[in-house]
Amino acid sequence: MSKETNLPILYSFRRCPYAIRARLALLQSGISVELREVVLRNRPQHMLDISPKGTVPVLLLPDGTVLEESLDIMLWALDDAFILGDWKRLVDENDGAFKHHLDRYKYNSRYENALTVEEHRNKVLEYLEEYDKRLIQASYLCGEKPTLADYALAPFVRQFANTDRMWFDQLSLPSLHRWLATILESQLFVQSMTKFNQWKIGDKPIVFG
């Protein structure tokens, strides 16, 4: 908890899809936090003290509890009305195979024994085709309103789309395109992507949410 604001402290990085999903859940729930924007090559010592693994997001609660995983933050923040359907399977697949192939599509040269860029891209495409089929039946992945699954997956689909936007925009996945555009153009998502300067000790607290 921040002594200045008496709010939970969220260490975040604007472009990180894990941090984006956490911010979306906090905004959806109406929970205010003190946001501390992190530059990953220069992580604050306090963040490392409470979470030695050094990745974002990290949420420090008023009782001293530290939530180190984005999904834990989402589950803590969202009420049962947003935790519906087969969200766990979707999130497990996204955070597993989808992210594996996304990383190797986006940063192929960093990995040994990787498939080609096109092969990894096509592996991700298989998931997008599944999402498109689901979205023909409903506006969102688990029904007619956005839920945890949408907020958890959209930042990663966005990252995939932005890797080669021209190629992505030409995909014949109309329901997926509509879904992604709806989320990215929403006030909630726009607010979640507000830019902040790197946090430093002594800075005026930023209340987010």
N, C-alpha and C. Protein backbone atom coordinates (compact mmCIF):
# COMPACT_ATOMS: atom_id res chain seq x y z
N MET A 1 0.84 -1.19 0.00
CA MET A 1 0.00 0.00 0.00
C MET A 1 0.87 1.24 0.00
N SER A 2 0.47 2.25 -0.77
CA SER A 2 1.21 3.49 -0.80
C SER A 2 0.88 4.33 0.44
N LYS A 3 1.92 4.84 1.10
CA LYS A 3 1.71 5.69 2.27
C LYS A 3 1.09 7.02 1.87
N GLU A 4 1.38 7.48 0.64
CA GLU A 4 0.87 8.76 0.19
C GLU A 4 -0.62 8.70 -0.16
N THR A 5 -1.06 7.60 -0.75
CA THR A 5 -2.44 7.53 -1.25
C THR A 5 -3.31 6.51 -0.52
N ASN A 6 -2.70 5.64 0.30
CA ASN A 6 -3.43 4.54 0.96
C ASN A 6 -4.08 3.60 -0.04
N LEU A 7 -3.50 3.52 -1.24
CA LEU A 7 -4.03 2.66 -2.29
C LEU A 7 -3.07 1.50 -2.56
N PRO A 8 -3.59 0.41 -3.15
CA PRO A 8 -2.67 -0.62 -3.65
C PRO A 8 -1.70 -0.02 -4.65
N ILE A 9 -0.52 -0.60 -4.75
CA ILE A 9 0.50 -0.13 -5.70
C ILE A 9 0.58 -1.12 -6.86
N LEU A 10 0.45 -0.61 -8.08
CA LEU A 10 0.59 -1.45 -9.28
C LEU A 10 1.84 -1.04 -10.03
N TYR A 11 2.80 -1.96 -10.12
CA TYR A 11 3.94 -1.77 -11.01
C TYR A 11 3.54 -2.30 -12.38
N SER A 12 3.72 -1.47 -13.39
CA SER A 12 3.19 -1.79 -14.71
C SER A 12 4.15 -1.32 -15.79
N PHE A 13 3.96 -1.85 -16.99
CA PHE A 13 4.69 -1.40 -18.19
C PHE A 13 3.66 -1.28 -19.29
N ARG A 14 3.52 -0.12 -19.86
CA ARG A 14 2.39 0.19 -20.73
C ARG A 14 2.16 -0.83 -21.83
N ARG A 15 3.19 -1.27 -22.52
CA ARG A 15 3.02 -2.11 -23.71
C ARG A 15 2.95 -3.59 -23.39
N CYS A 16 3.27 -4.00 -22.18
CA CYS A 16 3.26 -5.43 -21.84
C CYS A 16 1.84 -5.97 -21.85
N PRO A 17 1.54 -7.00 -22.63
CA PRO A 17 0.16 -7.51 -22.67
C PRO A 17 -0.33 -8.05 -21.33
N TYR A 18 0.58 -8.58 -20.52
CA TYR A 18 0.18 -9.05 -19.19
C TYR A 18 -0.24 -7.87 -18.32
N ALA A 19 0.51 -6.78 -18.40
CA ALA A 19 0.15 -5.59 -17.64
C ALA A 19 -1.13 -4.95 -18.17
N ILE A 20 -1.32 -4.98 -19.47
CA ILE A 20 -2.54 -4.43 -20.06
C ILE A 20 -3.76 -5.16 -19.52
N ARG A 21 -3.70 -6.49 -19.49
CA ARG A 21 -4.87 -7.25 -19.01
C ARG A 21 -5.16 -6.94 -17.55
N ALA A 22 -4.12 -6.76 -16.76
CA ALA A 22 -4.32 -6.41 -15.34
C ALA A 22 -4.96 -5.04 -15.22
N ARG A 23 -4.49 -4.07 -16.00
CA ARG A 23 -5.07 -2.73 -15.94
C ARG A 23 -6.52 -2.73 -16.40
N LEU A 24 -6.83 -3.51 -17.42
CA LEU A 24 -8.22 -3.61 -17.88
C LEU A 24 -9.13 -4.12 -16.77
N ALA A 25 -8.68 -5.16 -16.07
CA ALA A 25 -9.50 -5.73 -15.00
C ALA A 25 -9.70 -4.73 -13.87
N LEU A 26 -8.66 -3.99 -13.52
CA LEU A 26 -8.77 -3.01 -12.45
C LEU A 26 -9.72 -1.88 -12.84
N LEU A 27 -9.62 -1.43 -14.09
CA LEU A 27 -10.53 -0.38 -14.56
C LEU A 27 -11.97 -0.88 -14.60
N GLN A 28 -12.16 -2.09 -15.09
CA GLN A 28 -13.51 -2.65 -15.17
C GLN A 28 -14.13 -2.75 -13.77
N SER A 29 -13.32 -3.07 -12.80
CA SER A 29 -13.83 -3.26 -11.44
C SER A 29 -14.01 -1.95 -10.68
N GLY A 30 -13.43 -0.87 -11.21
CA GLY A 30 -13.51 0.40 -10.53
C GLY A 30 -12.55 0.55 -9.37
N ILE A 31 -11.53 -0.30 -9.32
CA ILE A 31 -10.54 -0.25 -8.25
C ILE A 31 -9.43 0.73 -8.62
N SER A 32 -9.18 1.70 -7.76
CA SER A 32 -8.11 2.65 -7.98
C SER A 32 -6.81 2.12 -7.36
N VAL A 33 -5.71 2.38 -8.04
CA VAL A 33 -4.40 1.98 -7.56
C VAL A 33 -3.43 3.13 -7.78
N GLU A 34 -2.31 3.08 -7.08
CA GLU A 34 -1.21 3.98 -7.42
C GLU A 34 -0.37 3.28 -8.47
N LEU A 35 -0.32 3.85 -9.66
CA LEU A 35 0.39 3.22 -10.77
C LEU A 35 1.82 3.71 -10.83
N ARG A 36 2.73 2.77 -10.94
CA ARG A 36 4.14 3.08 -11.09
C ARG A 36 4.64 2.46 -12.39
N GLU A 37 4.87 3.30 -13.38
CA GLU A 37 5.32 2.84 -14.69
C GLU A 37 6.79 2.44 -14.62
N VAL A 38 7.08 1.25 -15.12
CA VAL A 38 8.41 0.65 -15.01
C VAL A 38 9.11 0.66 -16.37
N VAL A 39 10.39 0.95 -16.38
CA VAL A 39 11.25 0.68 -17.53
C VAL A 39 11.99 -0.60 -17.20
N LEU A 40 11.79 -1.64 -18.02
CA LEU A 40 12.23 -2.97 -17.64
C LEU A 40 13.75 -3.11 -17.51
N ARG A 41 14.48 -2.26 -18.18
CA ARG A 41 15.95 -2.33 -18.04
C ARG A 41 16.43 -1.61 -16.79
N ASN A 42 15.51 -0.95 -16.08
CA ASN A 42 15.87 -0.20 -14.87
C ASN A 42 14.75 -0.36 -13.85
N ARG A 43 14.58 -1.60 -13.36
CA ARG A 43 13.47 -1.89 -12.47
C ARG A 43 13.67 -1.26 -11.09
N PRO A 44 12.62 -0.71 -10.50
CA PRO A 44 12.75 -0.11 -9.16
C PRO A 44 13.11 -1.16 -8.12
N GLN A 45 13.93 -0.77 -7.15
CA GLN A 45 14.35 -1.71 -6.13
C GLN A 45 13.17 -2.19 -5.30
N HIS A 46 12.21 -1.31 -5.01
CA HIS A 46 11.06 -1.72 -4.21
C HIS A 46 10.28 -2.82 -4.91
N MET A 47 10.13 -2.71 -6.23
CA MET A 47 9.43 -3.76 -6.98
C MET A 47 10.17 -5.08 -6.85
N LEU A 48 11.50 -5.04 -6.95
CA LEU A 48 12.29 -6.27 -6.83
C LEU A 48 12.26 -6.82 -5.41
N ASP A 49 12.14 -5.94 -4.43
CA ASP A 49 12.06 -6.38 -3.05
C ASP A 49 10.79 -7.18 -2.78
N ILE A 50 9.67 -6.73 -3.35
CA ILE A 50 8.41 -7.42 -3.09
C ILE A 50 8.16 -8.55 -4.08
N SER A 51 8.85 -8.52 -5.23
CA SER A 51 8.67 -9.54 -6.26
C SER A 51 9.99 -9.76 -6.98
N PRO A 52 10.85 -10.62 -6.43
CA PRO A 52 12.20 -10.80 -6.99
C PRO A 52 12.24 -11.29 -8.44
N LYS A 53 11.14 -11.87 -8.93
CA LYS A 53 11.18 -12.34 -10.31
C LYS A 53 11.29 -11.19 -11.31
N GLY A 54 10.91 -10.00 -10.90
CA GLY A 54 11.21 -8.81 -11.69
C GLY A 54 10.37 -8.58 -12.92
N THR A 55 9.22 -9.21 -13.02
CA THR A 55 8.35 -9.00 -14.17
C THR A 55 7.09 -8.25 -13.74
N VAL A 56 6.48 -7.58 -14.70
CA VAL A 56 5.22 -6.87 -14.45
C VAL A 56 4.07 -7.66 -15.06
N PRO A 57 2.87 -7.45 -14.52
CA PRO A 57 2.50 -6.53 -13.44
C PRO A 57 2.76 -7.14 -12.06
N VAL A 58 2.89 -6.26 -11.09
CA VAL A 58 2.96 -6.64 -9.68
C VAL A 58 2.02 -5.71 -8.92
N LEU A 59 1.16 -6.29 -8.09
CA LEU A 59 0.21 -5.49 -7.31
C LEU A 59 0.45 -5.75 -5.83
N LEU A 60 0.75 -4.68 -5.10
CA LEU A 60 0.94 -4.75 -3.65
C LEU A 60 -0.33 -4.26 -2.98
N LEU A 61 -1.00 -5.15 -2.23
CA LEU A 61 -2.25 -4.82 -1.58
C LEU A 61 -2.00 -4.18 -0.21
N PRO A 62 -3.01 -3.47 0.32
CA PRO A 62 -2.85 -2.79 1.62
C PRO A 62 -2.45 -3.72 2.77
N ASP A 63 -2.84 -4.99 2.70
CA ASP A 63 -2.49 -5.90 3.80
C ASP A 63 -1.12 -6.54 3.62
N GLY A 64 -0.39 -6.11 2.60
CA GLY A 64 0.95 -6.65 2.36
C GLY A 64 0.99 -7.80 1.37
N THR A 65 -0.17 -8.29 0.95
CA THR A 65 -0.21 -9.36 -0.04
C THR A 65 0.34 -8.85 -1.37
N VAL A 66 1.14 -9.68 -2.01
CA VAL A 66 1.70 -9.33 -3.32
C VAL A 66 1.14 -10.29 -4.37
N LEU A 67 0.52 -9.73 -5.40
CA LEU A 67 0.03 -10.51 -6.53
C LEU A 67 1.00 -10.32 -7.68
N GLU A 68 1.67 -11.40 -8.07
CA GLU A 68 2.77 -11.32 -9.04
C GLU A 68 2.39 -11.78 -10.44
N GLU A 69 1.18 -12.29 -10.61
CA GLU A 69 0.75 -12.78 -11.91
C GLU A 69 -0.48 -12.00 -12.38
N SER A 70 -0.51 -11.71 -13.66
CA SER A 70 -1.62 -10.91 -14.20
C SER A 70 -2.96 -11.59 -13.98
N LEU A 71 -3.02 -12.90 -14.15
CA LEU A 71 -4.29 -13.60 -13.97
C LEU A 71 -4.75 -13.53 -12.51
N ASP A 72 -3.83 -13.59 -11.57
CA ASP A 72 -4.20 -13.46 -10.15
C ASP A 72 -4.79 -12.08 -9.88
N ILE A 73 -4.22 -11.06 -10.51
CA ILE A 73 -4.75 -9.71 -10.35
C ILE A 73 -6.15 -9.62 -10.95
N MET A 74 -6.35 -10.23 -12.10
CA MET A 74 -7.67 -10.21 -12.73
C MET A 74 -8.71 -10.91 -11.86
N LEU A 75 -8.37 -12.06 -11.36
CA LEU A 75 -9.31 -12.82 -10.53
C LEU A 75 -9.61 -12.09 -9.23
N TRP A 76 -8.62 -11.40 -8.69
CA TRP A 76 -8.83 -10.62 -7.47
C TRP A 76 -9.75 -9.43 -7.73
N ALA A 77 -9.57 -8.80 -8.89
CA ALA A 77 -10.29 -7.56 -9.17
C ALA A 77 -11.72 -7.77 -9.67
N LEU A 78 -11.93 -8.76 -10.53
CA LEU A 78 -13.22 -8.92 -11.19
C LEU A 78 -14.19 -9.72 -10.33
N ASP A 79 -15.45 -9.34 -10.40
CA ASP A 79 -16.46 -10.12 -9.68
C ASP A 79 -16.95 -11.27 -10.56
N ASP A 80 -17.80 -12.10 -9.99
CA ASP A 80 -18.21 -13.34 -10.67
C ASP A 80 -18.92 -13.09 -11.99
N ALA A 81 -19.50 -11.91 -12.16
CA ALA A 81 -20.22 -11.61 -13.40
C ALA A 81 -19.30 -11.56 -14.61
N PHE A 82 -18.00 -11.40 -14.37
CA PHE A 82 -17.04 -11.31 -15.47
C PHE A 82 -16.19 -12.57 -15.62
N ILE A 83 -16.43 -13.56 -14.76
CA ILE A 83 -15.63 -14.79 -14.80
C ILE A 83 -16.56 -15.92 -15.24
N LEU A 84 -16.75 -16.02 -16.54
CA LEU A 84 -17.77 -16.90 -17.11
C LEU A 84 -17.18 -17.82 -18.17
N GLY A 85 -17.95 -18.87 -18.49
CA GLY A 85 -17.62 -19.74 -19.61
C GLY A 85 -16.34 -20.53 -19.41
N ASP A 86 -15.77 -20.98 -20.52
CA ASP A 86 -14.55 -21.79 -20.46
C ASP A 86 -13.31 -20.89 -20.51
N TRP A 87 -13.35 -19.83 -19.71
CA TRP A 87 -12.27 -18.85 -19.70
C TRP A 87 -10.92 -19.48 -19.36
N LYS A 88 -10.91 -20.46 -18.46
CA LYS A 88 -9.63 -21.02 -18.03
C LYS A 88 -8.93 -21.75 -19.17
N ARG A 89 -9.68 -22.51 -19.95
CA ARG A 89 -9.06 -23.18 -21.10
C ARG A 89 -8.50 -22.15 -22.08
N LEU A 90 -9.27 -21.12 -22.35
CA LEU A 90 -8.84 -20.09 -23.28
C LEU A 90 -7.57 -19.39 -22.78
N VAL A 91 -7.55 -19.05 -21.50
CA VAL A 91 -6.38 -18.36 -20.95
C VAL A 91 -5.17 -19.29 -20.89
N ASP A 92 -5.38 -20.54 -20.51
CA ASP A 92 -4.27 -21.50 -20.45
C ASP A 92 -3.65 -21.68 -21.84
N GLU A 93 -4.48 -21.78 -22.86
CA GLU A 93 -3.97 -21.94 -24.22
C GLU A 93 -3.26 -20.67 -24.68
N ASN A 94 -3.82 -19.53 -24.34
CA ASN A 94 -3.21 -18.26 -24.72
C ASN A 94 -1.85 -18.10 -24.06
N ASP A 95 -1.79 -18.37 -22.76
CA ASP A 95 -0.54 -18.16 -22.02
C ASP A 95 0.47 -19.27 -22.28
N GLY A 96 0.02 -20.35 -22.91
CA GLY A 96 0.89 -21.47 -23.24
C GLY A 96 1.31 -21.46 -24.70
N ALA A 97 0.62 -22.25 -25.50
CA ALA A 97 1.02 -22.44 -26.90
C ALA A 97 0.91 -21.15 -27.72
N PHE A 98 -0.16 -20.39 -27.52
CA PHE A 98 -0.33 -19.15 -28.28
C PHE A 98 0.86 -18.22 -28.04
N LYS A 99 1.19 -17.98 -26.77
CA LYS A 99 2.30 -17.07 -26.45
C LYS A 99 3.63 -17.63 -26.93
N HIS A 100 3.80 -18.95 -26.85
CA HIS A 100 5.02 -19.58 -27.34
C HIS A 100 5.24 -19.25 -28.81
N HIS A 101 4.22 -19.45 -29.62
CA HIS A 101 4.37 -19.19 -31.05
C HIS A 101 4.39 -17.70 -31.37
N LEU A 102 3.65 -16.90 -30.61
CA LEU A 102 3.68 -15.45 -30.81
C LEU A 102 5.09 -14.91 -30.60
N ASP A 103 5.75 -15.32 -29.53
CA ASP A 103 7.10 -14.84 -29.26
C ASP A 103 8.06 -15.21 -30.38
N ARG A 104 7.92 -16.42 -30.91
CA ARG A 104 8.84 -16.89 -31.94
C ARG A 104 8.47 -16.36 -33.32
N TYR A 105 7.27 -15.91 -33.49
CA TYR A 105 6.88 -15.18 -34.69
C TYR A 105 7.44 -13.76 -34.64
N LYS A 106 7.31 -13.12 -33.50
CA LYS A 106 7.70 -11.72 -33.34
C LYS A 106 9.21 -11.56 -33.19
N TYR A 107 9.86 -12.51 -32.48
CA TYR A 107 11.29 -12.39 -32.18
C TYR A 107 12.03 -13.67 -32.57
N ASN A 108 11.83 -14.12 -33.77
CA ASN A 108 12.30 -15.45 -34.17
C ASN A 108 13.79 -15.65 -33.97
N SER A 109 14.58 -14.63 -34.26
CA SER A 109 16.04 -14.78 -34.20
C SER A 109 16.57 -14.97 -32.79
N ARG A 110 15.75 -14.71 -31.78
CA ARG A 110 16.20 -14.86 -30.39
C ARG A 110 16.19 -16.31 -29.92
N TYR A 111 15.57 -17.19 -30.69
CA TYR A 111 15.33 -18.55 -30.20
C TYR A 111 16.12 -19.57 -31.02
N GLU A 112 16.65 -20.56 -30.33
CA GLU A 112 17.32 -21.67 -31.01
C GLU A 112 16.27 -22.72 -31.38
N ASN A 113 16.51 -23.40 -32.48
CA ASN A 113 15.66 -24.50 -32.94
C ASN A 113 14.20 -24.08 -33.13
N ALA A 114 14.00 -22.82 -33.46
CA ALA A 114 12.64 -22.35 -33.73
C ALA A 114 12.21 -22.75 -35.13
N LEU A 115 10.89 -22.84 -35.32
CA LEU A 115 10.36 -22.99 -36.66
C LEU A 115 10.56 -21.67 -37.41
N THR A 116 10.17 -21.61 -38.66
CA THR A 116 10.28 -20.37 -39.40
C THR A 116 9.24 -19.37 -38.88
N VAL A 117 9.44 -18.11 -39.22
CA VAL A 117 8.48 -17.08 -38.85
C VAL A 117 7.09 -17.44 -39.34
N GLU A 118 7.00 -17.89 -40.58
CA GLU A 118 5.70 -18.23 -41.16
C GLU A 118 5.05 -19.41 -40.46
N GLU A 119 5.86 -20.39 -40.07
CA GLU A 119 5.30 -21.56 -39.38
C GLU A 119 4.75 -21.17 -38.01
N HIS A 120 5.46 -20.34 -37.28
CA HIS A 120 4.95 -19.89 -35.98
C HIS A 120 3.71 -19.01 -36.17
N ARG A 121 3.73 -18.18 -37.19
CA ARG A 121 2.56 -17.34 -37.47
C ARG A 121 1.34 -18.19 -37.77
N ASN A 122 1.52 -19.24 -38.51
CA ASN A 122 0.40 -20.12 -38.85
C ASN A 122 -0.13 -20.88 -37.64
N LYS A 123 0.76 -21.19 -36.70
CA LYS A 123 0.31 -21.85 -35.47
C LYS A 123 -0.60 -20.92 -34.68
N VAL A 124 -0.24 -19.64 -34.60
CA VAL A 124 -1.10 -18.67 -33.92
C VAL A 124 -2.41 -18.51 -34.67
N LEU A 125 -2.34 -18.52 -36.00
CA LEU A 125 -3.53 -18.36 -36.82
C LEU A 125 -4.58 -19.43 -36.53
N GLU A 126 -4.13 -20.63 -36.18
CA GLU A 126 -5.08 -21.69 -35.84
C GLU A 126 -5.96 -21.29 -34.66
N TYR A 127 -5.37 -20.62 -33.68
CA TYR A 127 -6.15 -20.14 -32.54
C TYR A 127 -7.09 -19.01 -32.95
N LEU A 128 -6.61 -18.12 -33.79
CA LEU A 128 -7.47 -17.01 -34.24
C LEU A 128 -8.67 -17.53 -35.02
N GLU A 129 -8.47 -18.57 -35.78
CA GLU A 129 -9.59 -19.17 -36.52
C GLU A 129 -10.62 -19.76 -35.56
N GLU A 130 -10.15 -20.36 -34.46
CA GLU A 130 -11.08 -20.86 -33.45
C GLU A 130 -11.86 -19.71 -32.81
N TYR A 131 -11.15 -18.62 -32.50
CA TYR A 131 -11.83 -17.47 -31.91
C TYR A 131 -12.89 -16.92 -32.87
N ASP A 132 -12.54 -16.84 -34.13
CA ASP A 132 -13.48 -16.31 -35.12
C ASP A 132 -14.76 -17.14 -35.16
N LYS A 133 -14.62 -18.44 -35.10
CA LYS A 133 -15.80 -19.31 -35.11
C LYS A 133 -16.66 -19.07 -33.87
N ARG A 134 -16.04 -18.90 -32.72
CA ARG A 134 -16.79 -18.61 -31.49
C ARG A 134 -17.52 -17.27 -31.62
N LEU A 135 -16.84 -16.31 -32.22
CA LEU A 135 -17.37 -14.96 -32.29
C LEU A 135 -18.45 -14.80 -33.35
N ILE A 136 -18.63 -15.79 -34.17
CA ILE A 136 -19.79 -15.80 -35.07
C ILE A 136 -21.06 -16.02 -34.25
N GLN A 137 -20.91 -16.77 -33.17
CA GLN A 137 -22.06 -17.15 -32.36
C GLN A 137 -22.42 -16.10 -31.30
N ALA A 138 -21.47 -15.28 -30.90
CA ALA A 138 -21.70 -14.29 -29.85
C ALA A 138 -20.75 -13.12 -30.06
N SER A 139 -21.08 -11.99 -29.45
CA SER A 139 -20.29 -10.78 -29.63
C SER A 139 -18.91 -10.89 -28.99
N TYR A 140 -18.83 -11.69 -27.91
CA TYR A 140 -17.57 -11.85 -27.19
C TYR A 140 -17.28 -13.33 -27.00
N LEU A 141 -16.13 -13.65 -26.48
CA LEU A 141 -15.68 -15.03 -26.44
C LEU A 141 -16.55 -15.93 -25.57
N CYS A 142 -17.17 -15.36 -24.55
CA CYS A 142 -18.00 -16.16 -23.66
C CYS A 142 -19.41 -15.61 -23.52
N GLY A 143 -19.89 -14.92 -24.54
CA GLY A 143 -21.26 -14.42 -24.49
C GLY A 143 -21.41 -13.06 -25.13
N GLU A 144 -22.46 -12.36 -24.73
CA GLU A 144 -22.78 -11.08 -25.37
C GLU A 144 -22.17 -9.88 -24.66
N LYS A 145 -21.43 -10.12 -23.60
CA LYS A 145 -20.74 -9.04 -22.90
C LYS A 145 -19.28 -9.45 -22.66
N PRO A 146 -18.39 -8.47 -22.61
CA PRO A 146 -16.98 -8.82 -22.37
C PRO A 146 -16.79 -9.43 -20.99
N THR A 147 -15.90 -10.40 -20.92
CA THR A 147 -15.59 -11.09 -19.67
C THR A 147 -14.09 -11.18 -19.49
N LEU A 148 -13.67 -11.86 -18.45
CA LEU A 148 -12.25 -12.06 -18.20
C LEU A 148 -11.53 -12.59 -19.43
N ALA A 149 -12.14 -13.52 -20.14
CA ALA A 149 -11.48 -14.12 -21.30
C ALA A 149 -11.13 -13.07 -22.35
N ASP A 150 -12.05 -12.14 -22.62
CA ASP A 150 -11.80 -11.11 -23.62
C ASP A 150 -10.66 -10.18 -23.19
N TYR A 151 -10.71 -9.75 -21.92
CA TYR A 151 -9.66 -8.86 -21.44
C TYR A 151 -8.32 -9.56 -21.35
N ALA A 152 -8.33 -10.86 -21.08
CA ALA A 152 -7.08 -11.60 -20.95
C ALA A 152 -6.43 -11.90 -22.29
N LEU A 153 -7.23 -12.12 -23.32
CA LEU A 153 -6.70 -12.53 -24.62
C LEU A 153 -6.45 -11.37 -25.58
N ALA A 154 -7.28 -10.32 -25.51
CA ALA A 154 -7.19 -9.25 -26.49
C ALA A 154 -5.81 -8.59 -26.56
N PRO A 155 -5.11 -8.35 -25.44
CA PRO A 155 -3.79 -7.73 -25.56
C PRO A 155 -2.79 -8.57 -26.36
N PHE A 156 -2.94 -9.88 -26.32
CA PHE A 156 -2.02 -10.75 -27.06
C PHE A 156 -2.41 -10.83 -28.53
N VAL A 157 -3.71 -10.82 -28.82
CA VAL A 157 -4.13 -10.76 -30.22
C VAL A 157 -3.70 -9.44 -30.83
N ARG A 158 -3.82 -8.37 -30.06
CA ARG A 158 -3.34 -7.05 -30.51
C ARG A 158 -1.86 -7.09 -30.83
N GLN A 159 -1.06 -7.70 -29.96
CA GLN A 159 0.38 -7.79 -30.20
C GLN A 159 0.67 -8.57 -31.47
N PHE A 160 -0.05 -9.67 -31.67
CA PHE A 160 0.11 -10.44 -32.89
C PHE A 160 -0.26 -9.61 -34.10
N ALA A 161 -1.39 -8.91 -34.04
CA ALA A 161 -1.86 -8.11 -35.17
C ALA A 161 -0.85 -7.03 -35.54
N ASN A 162 -0.26 -6.40 -34.55
CA ASN A 162 0.64 -5.29 -34.80
C ASN A 162 2.00 -5.72 -35.32
N THR A 163 2.30 -6.99 -35.26
CA THR A 163 3.58 -7.48 -35.78
C THR A 163 3.66 -7.30 -37.29
N ASP A 164 2.57 -7.54 -37.98
CA ASP A 164 2.48 -7.28 -39.42
C ASP A 164 1.02 -6.89 -39.70
N ARG A 165 0.73 -5.63 -39.47
CA ARG A 165 -0.66 -5.18 -39.49
C ARG A 165 -1.29 -5.35 -40.87
N MET A 166 -0.55 -5.11 -41.93
CA MET A 166 -1.12 -5.22 -43.27
C MET A 166 -1.55 -6.66 -43.53
N TRP A 167 -0.70 -7.62 -43.16
CA TRP A 167 -1.03 -9.03 -43.36
C TRP A 167 -2.24 -9.40 -42.50
N PHE A 168 -2.25 -8.98 -41.25
CA PHE A 168 -3.34 -9.31 -40.35
C PHE A 168 -4.67 -8.74 -40.85
N ASP A 169 -4.66 -7.52 -41.30
CA ASP A 169 -5.90 -6.88 -41.74
C ASP A 169 -6.51 -7.56 -42.96
N GLN A 170 -5.71 -8.31 -43.68
CA GLN A 170 -6.22 -9.00 -44.87
C GLN A 170 -6.77 -10.39 -44.56
N LEU A 171 -6.63 -10.83 -43.32
CA LEU A 171 -7.17 -12.15 -42.96
C LEU A 171 -8.68 -12.16 -43.06
N SER A 172 -9.21 -13.26 -43.57
CA SER A 172 -10.66 -13.40 -43.70
C SER A 172 -11.23 -13.96 -42.40
N LEU A 173 -11.19 -13.13 -41.37
CA LEU A 173 -11.71 -13.48 -40.05
C LEU A 173 -12.56 -12.32 -39.57
N PRO A 174 -13.70 -12.09 -40.20
CA PRO A 174 -14.48 -10.87 -39.94
C PRO A 174 -14.95 -10.73 -38.50
N SER A 175 -15.34 -11.83 -37.88
CA SER A 175 -15.82 -11.74 -36.50
C SER A 175 -14.70 -11.41 -35.54
N LEU A 176 -13.52 -11.97 -35.79
CA LEU A 176 -12.35 -11.66 -34.96
C LEU A 176 -11.96 -10.19 -35.12
N HIS A 177 -11.94 -9.69 -36.34
CA HIS A 177 -11.60 -8.29 -36.58
C HIS A 177 -12.58 -7.37 -35.86
N ARG A 178 -13.85 -7.70 -35.94
CA ARG A 178 -14.88 -6.88 -35.29
C ARG A 178 -14.68 -6.87 -33.78
N TRP A 179 -14.45 -8.06 -33.22
CA TRP A 179 -14.23 -8.20 -31.77
C TRP A 179 -13.02 -7.39 -31.31
N LEU A 180 -11.90 -7.54 -32.01
CA LEU A 180 -10.68 -6.85 -31.60
C LEU A 180 -10.86 -5.34 -31.71
N ALA A 181 -11.47 -4.88 -32.80
CA ALA A 181 -11.68 -3.44 -32.96
C ALA A 181 -12.59 -2.89 -31.88
N THR A 182 -13.63 -3.65 -31.53
CA THR A 182 -14.55 -3.20 -30.49
C THR A 182 -13.83 -3.00 -29.17
N ILE A 183 -12.96 -3.94 -28.82
CA ILE A 183 -12.23 -3.83 -27.55
C ILE A 183 -11.20 -2.70 -27.60
N LEU A 184 -10.42 -2.64 -28.68
CA LEU A 184 -9.35 -1.65 -28.76
C LEU A 184 -9.88 -0.23 -28.84
N GLU A 185 -11.08 -0.06 -29.38
CA GLU A 185 -11.67 1.28 -29.50
C GLU A 185 -12.52 1.65 -28.30
N SER A 186 -12.67 0.74 -27.36
CA SER A 186 -13.50 1.02 -26.19
C SER A 186 -12.81 2.03 -25.28
N GLN A 187 -13.61 2.78 -24.54
CA GLN A 187 -13.07 3.74 -23.59
C GLN A 187 -12.19 3.06 -22.54
N LEU A 188 -12.59 1.86 -22.15
CA LEU A 188 -11.83 1.11 -21.16
C LEU A 188 -10.42 0.83 -21.65
N PHE A 189 -10.30 0.35 -22.88
CA PHE A 189 -8.97 0.02 -23.40
C PHE A 189 -8.15 1.29 -23.62
N VAL A 190 -8.77 2.31 -24.18
CA VAL A 190 -8.05 3.57 -24.40
C VAL A 190 -7.51 4.10 -23.08
N GLN A 191 -8.32 4.05 -22.02
CA GLN A 191 -7.87 4.51 -20.72
C GLN A 191 -6.74 3.65 -20.18
N SER A 192 -6.81 2.34 -20.45
CA SER A 192 -5.77 1.43 -19.95
C SER A 192 -4.41 1.71 -20.58
N MET A 193 -4.41 2.37 -21.74
CA MET A 193 -3.16 2.61 -22.47
C MET A 193 -2.66 4.05 -22.31
N THR A 194 -3.16 4.76 -21.31
CA THR A 194 -2.67 6.10 -21.02
C THR A 194 -1.16 6.07 -20.77
N LYS A 195 -0.44 7.02 -21.34
CA LYS A 195 1.01 7.04 -21.20
C LYS A 195 1.41 7.77 -19.91
N PHE A 196 2.37 7.18 -19.21
CA PHE A 196 2.93 7.78 -18.00
C PHE A 196 4.45 7.71 -18.09
N ASN A 197 5.10 8.67 -17.46
CA ASN A 197 6.56 8.64 -17.41
C ASN A 197 7.03 7.56 -16.44
N GLN A 198 8.27 7.16 -16.61
CA GLN A 198 8.87 6.19 -15.69
C GLN A 198 8.79 6.70 -14.26
N TRP A 199 8.34 5.82 -13.35
CA TRP A 199 8.24 6.21 -11.94
C TRP A 199 9.61 6.25 -11.29
N LYS A 200 9.80 7.28 -10.46
CA LYS A 200 11.02 7.39 -9.67
C LYS A 200 10.64 7.76 -8.24
N ILE A 201 11.46 7.37 -7.29
CA ILE A 201 11.22 7.71 -5.89
C ILE A 201 11.10 9.22 -5.75
N GLY A 202 10.07 9.67 -5.05
CA GLY A 202 9.85 11.08 -4.86
C GLY A 202 8.86 11.69 -5.83
N ASP A 203 8.47 10.93 -6.86
CA ASP A 203 7.47 11.44 -7.81
C ASP A 203 6.12 11.58 -7.14
N LYS A 204 5.33 12.52 -7.62
CA LYS A 204 3.96 12.66 -7.16
C LYS A 204 3.18 11.40 -7.57
N PRO A 205 2.43 10.80 -6.63
CA PRO A 205 1.71 9.56 -6.96
C PRO A 205 0.71 9.75 -8.10
N ILE A 206 0.61 8.74 -8.95
CA ILE A 206 -0.38 8.72 -10.03
C ILE A 206 -1.49 7.77 -9.64
N VAL A 207 -2.69 8.31 -9.47
CA VAL A 207 -3.85 7.46 -9.15
C VAL A 207 -4.47 7.01 -10.47
N PHE A 208 -4.54 5.71 -10.63
CA PHE A 208 -5.04 5.10 -11.87
C PHE A 208 -6.35 4.39 -11.56
N GLY A 209 -7.39 4.73 -12.34
CA GLY A 209 -8.68 4.09 -12.14
C GLY A 209 -9.67 5.01 -11.46
